[in-house]
Amino acid sequence: MSKQEKIRKNFSIKTINEVYEEQGRCCNKCGRSLLEGFRVDHKDGDCSNIEKDNCQLLCARCHEGRQWETLQQQKKATIGELTALIQKAIEGNIAGALMDKTLEAIKLKLSLEKQVADLTLMEAPATSRIEYSEAIAEYNLKEWLRGIREGFVMGVEWTSGKQEEKGDTSKSKKKVE
């Protein structure tokens, strides 16, 4: 059984969560945060190998790049098989019924390749999303308080500046008189 024909298995949620924390909640390839979602990838390309050391989490951009490379390889292999099949048909080495079954198998394989390309983005674990939301709320609160302090200080400075101007004006009038 070739690598492409092995039955796809998914990593357990426990494994995914452990890898998520071990990777520091970042893409294993580029280091981007995975808080907005991620894709689970088999490092060795063997979709039946669900050992923890074969699991990596990638951002959508990095995974799509890896998927694109894999799909290009699969397409080349499929085109090679199709070319060989057509050559056999031209030479008369394949009967009509077998040719129909082979073409159906190729259609199925191409359909499966499309399904592989349409993988969905997984969400970060709820605990991470909550921590992230709390961190954002805390940051926004600190910024709001900083804004209030700065506004208060500016108001005091402005008010005291106006008082000094009024005081300076009255002093200058007194000096002129």
Protein backbone atom coordinates (compact mmCIF):
# COMPACT_ATOMS: atom_id res chain seq x y z
CA MET A 1 0.00 0.00 0.00
CA SER A 2 1.53 3.33 -1.04
CA LYS A 3 1.65 6.43 1.17
CA GLN A 4 -1.18 8.05 -0.82
CA GLU A 5 -3.46 5.00 -0.47
CA LYS A 6 -3.22 4.71 3.34
CA ILE A 7 -6.38 5.44 5.29
CA ARG A 8 -6.38 8.96 6.73
CA LYS A 9 -6.51 9.05 10.52
CA ASN A 10 -6.99 12.10 12.70
CA PHE A 11 -4.99 12.98 15.78
CA SER A 12 -6.86 12.93 19.09
CA ILE A 13 -8.02 16.24 20.58
CA LYS A 14 -5.72 15.53 23.55
CA THR A 15 -2.71 15.22 21.23
CA ILE A 16 -3.69 18.37 19.33
CA ASN A 17 -4.07 20.36 22.58
CA GLU A 18 -0.70 19.10 23.88
CA VAL A 19 1.05 20.01 20.62
CA TYR A 20 -0.73 23.39 20.64
CA GLU A 21 0.77 24.21 24.05
CA GLU A 22 4.19 22.69 23.21
CA GLN A 23 4.43 24.88 20.10
CA GLY A 24 3.71 27.92 22.26
CA ARG A 25 0.37 28.46 20.49
CA CYS A 26 2.28 29.40 17.32
CA CYS A 27 2.61 27.99 13.81
CA ASN A 28 5.36 25.36 13.73
CA LYS A 29 6.67 26.74 10.44
CA CYS A 30 6.45 30.56 10.56
CA GLY A 31 5.76 31.29 14.25
CA ARG A 32 2.46 33.18 13.71
CA SER A 33 -0.11 33.00 16.49
CA LEU A 34 -2.64 30.19 16.13
CA LEU A 35 -5.34 31.98 18.15
CA GLU A 36 -7.33 32.73 14.99
CA GLY A 37 -7.25 29.07 13.94
CA PHE A 38 -4.92 26.41 12.64
CA ARG A 39 -4.63 23.26 10.57
CA VAL A 40 -3.37 19.91 11.85
CA ASP A 41 -0.59 18.45 9.70
CA HIS A 42 1.20 15.10 9.54
CA LYS A 43 4.91 16.03 9.49
CA ASP A 44 5.99 12.98 7.49
CA GLY A 45 3.06 13.19 5.08
CA ASP A 46 1.80 9.76 6.21
CA CYS A 47 -1.85 10.42 7.04
CA SER A 48 -2.16 7.09 8.87
CA ASN A 49 0.66 7.93 11.31
CA ILE A 50 -1.04 9.52 14.32
CA GLU A 51 1.91 9.43 16.71
CA LYS A 52 2.28 12.67 18.67
CA ASP A 53 5.76 13.37 17.25
CA ASN A 54 4.23 13.34 13.74
CA CYS A 55 1.71 16.08 14.63
CA GLN A 56 2.33 19.74 13.91
CA LEU A 57 -0.01 22.70 13.89
CA LEU A 58 0.31 25.22 11.07
CA CYS A 59 -1.40 28.50 10.27
CA ALA A 60 -3.67 28.38 7.21
CA ARG A 61 -1.09 30.11 4.98
CA CYS A 62 1.73 27.64 5.78
CA HIS A 63 -0.58 24.62 5.56
CA GLU A 64 -1.98 25.72 2.21
CA GLY A 65 1.57 26.03 0.89
CA ARG A 66 2.35 22.51 2.09
CA GLN A 67 -0.98 21.20 0.76
CA TRP A 68 -0.33 22.85 -2.61
CA GLU A 69 3.03 21.07 -2.89
CA THR A 70 1.44 17.74 -1.94
CA LEU A 71 -1.42 18.23 -4.40
CA GLN A 72 1.03 19.09 -7.19
CA GLN A 73 2.90 15.84 -6.50
CA GLN A 74 -0.39 13.89 -6.47
CA LYS A 75 -1.49 15.55 -9.72
CA LYS A 76 1.83 14.66 -11.39
CA ALA A 77 1.44 11.05 -10.25
CA THR A 78 -2.19 10.96 -11.48
CA ILE A 79 -1.23 12.51 -14.81
CA GLY A 80 1.55 9.92 -15.12
CA GLU A 81 -0.92 7.11 -14.45
CA LEU A 82 -3.40 8.61 -16.90
CA THR A 83 -0.73 8.97 -19.59
CA ALA A 84 0.31 5.32 -19.13
CA LEU A 85 -3.34 4.25 -19.28
CA ILE A 86 -3.98 6.24 -22.46
CA GLN A 87 -0.86 4.76 -24.03
CA LYS A 88 -2.05 1.24 -23.21
CA ALA A 89 -5.48 2.09 -24.68
CA ILE A 90 -3.86 3.43 -27.88
CA GLU A 91 -1.82 0.26 -28.18
CA GLY A 92 -5.00 -1.78 -27.73
CA ASN A 93 -3.85 -3.43 -24.51
CA ILE A 94 -6.93 -2.43 -22.47
CA ALA A 95 -10.46 -3.68 -23.03
CA GLY A 96 -13.40 -1.23 -23.01
CA ALA A 97 -14.90 -2.30 -19.64
CA LEU A 98 -11.52 -2.11 -17.90
CA MET A 99 -10.90 1.30 -19.45
CA ASP A 100 -14.24 2.56 -18.05
CA LYS A 101 -13.41 1.27 -14.54
CA THR A 102 -9.95 2.81 -14.69
CA LEU A 103 -11.35 6.19 -15.74
CA GLU A 104 -13.87 6.05 -12.86
CA ALA A 105 -11.00 5.32 -10.45
CA ILE A 106 -9.08 8.34 -11.78
CA LYS A 107 -12.17 10.55 -11.37
CA LEU A 108 -12.54 9.32 -7.78
CA LYS A 109 -8.87 10.00 -7.07
CA LEU A 110 -9.13 13.54 -8.48
CA SER A 111 -12.27 14.11 -6.40
CA LEU A 112 -10.44 12.99 -3.26
CA GLU A 113 -7.58 15.36 -4.05
CA LYS A 114 -10.09 18.21 -4.18
CA GLN A 115 -11.51 17.16 -0.80
CA VAL A 116 -8.02 17.17 0.69
CA ALA A 117 -7.55 20.75 -0.52
CA ASP A 118 -10.83 21.87 1.10
CA LEU A 119 -9.80 21.16 4.72
CA THR A 120 -11.40 23.38 7.32
CA LEU A 121 -9.60 25.61 9.79
CA MET A 122 -9.67 24.36 13.39
CA GLU A 123 -10.27 26.79 16.22
CA ALA A 124 -7.88 27.35 19.06
CA PRO A 125 -8.90 25.59 22.30
CA ALA A 126 -11.56 27.45 24.28
CA THR A 127 -9.19 28.10 27.18
CA SER A 128 -6.78 29.91 24.84
CA ARG A 129 -9.57 31.94 23.28
CA ILE A 130 -10.80 32.94 26.76
CA GLU A 131 -7.25 33.86 27.85
CA TYR A 132 -6.82 35.84 24.64
CA SER A 133 -10.14 37.65 25.15
CA GLU A 134 -9.24 38.41 28.76
CA ALA A 135 -5.84 39.76 27.68
CA ILE A 136 -7.49 42.01 25.09
CA ALA A 137 -10.06 43.24 27.62
CA GLU A 138 -7.30 43.92 30.18
CA TYR A 139 -5.23 45.79 27.59
CA ASN A 140 -8.25 47.87 26.51
CA LEU A 141 -9.05 48.70 30.15
CA LYS A 142 -5.44 49.79 30.78
CA GLU A 143 -5.51 51.96 27.65
CA TRP A 144 -8.83 53.48 28.72
CA LEU A 145 -7.44 54.29 32.17
CA ARG A 146 -4.25 55.69 30.63
CA GLY A 147 -6.40 57.91 28.40
CA ILE A 148 -8.39 59.15 31.38
CA ARG A 149 -5.17 59.92 33.31
CA GLU A 150 -3.64 61.73 30.34
CA GLY A 151 -6.85 63.67 29.80
CA PHE A 152 -7.00 64.63 33.47
CA VAL A 153 -3.36 65.76 33.49
CA MET A 154 -3.86 67.73 30.27
CA GLY A 155 -6.97 69.33 31.75
CA VAL A 156 -5.12 70.32 34.90
CA GLU A 157 -2.20 71.67 32.87
CA TRP A 158 -4.55 73.59 30.59
CA THR A 159 -6.54 75.00 33.50
CA SER A 160 -3.41 75.97 35.42
CA GLY A 161 -1.97 77.52 32.26
CA LYS A 162 -5.10 79.64 31.83
CA GLN A 163 -4.89 80.70 35.47
CA GLU A 164 -1.26 81.75 35.01
CA GLU A 165 -2.18 83.69 31.86
CA LYS A 166 -4.93 85.54 33.74
CA GLY A 167 -2.53 86.16 36.61
CA ASP A 168 0.17 87.38 34.24
CA THR A 169 -2.26 89.74 32.51
CA SER A 170 -3.38 91.33 35.75
CA LYS A 171 0.24 91.70 36.90
CA SER A 172 1.22 93.35 33.63
CA LYS A 173 -1.72 95.76 33.92
CA LYS A 174 -0.63 96.67 37.42
CA LYS A 175 2.93 97.25 36.21
CA VAL A 176 1.72 99.48 33.36
CA GLU A 177 -0.47 101.57 35.71
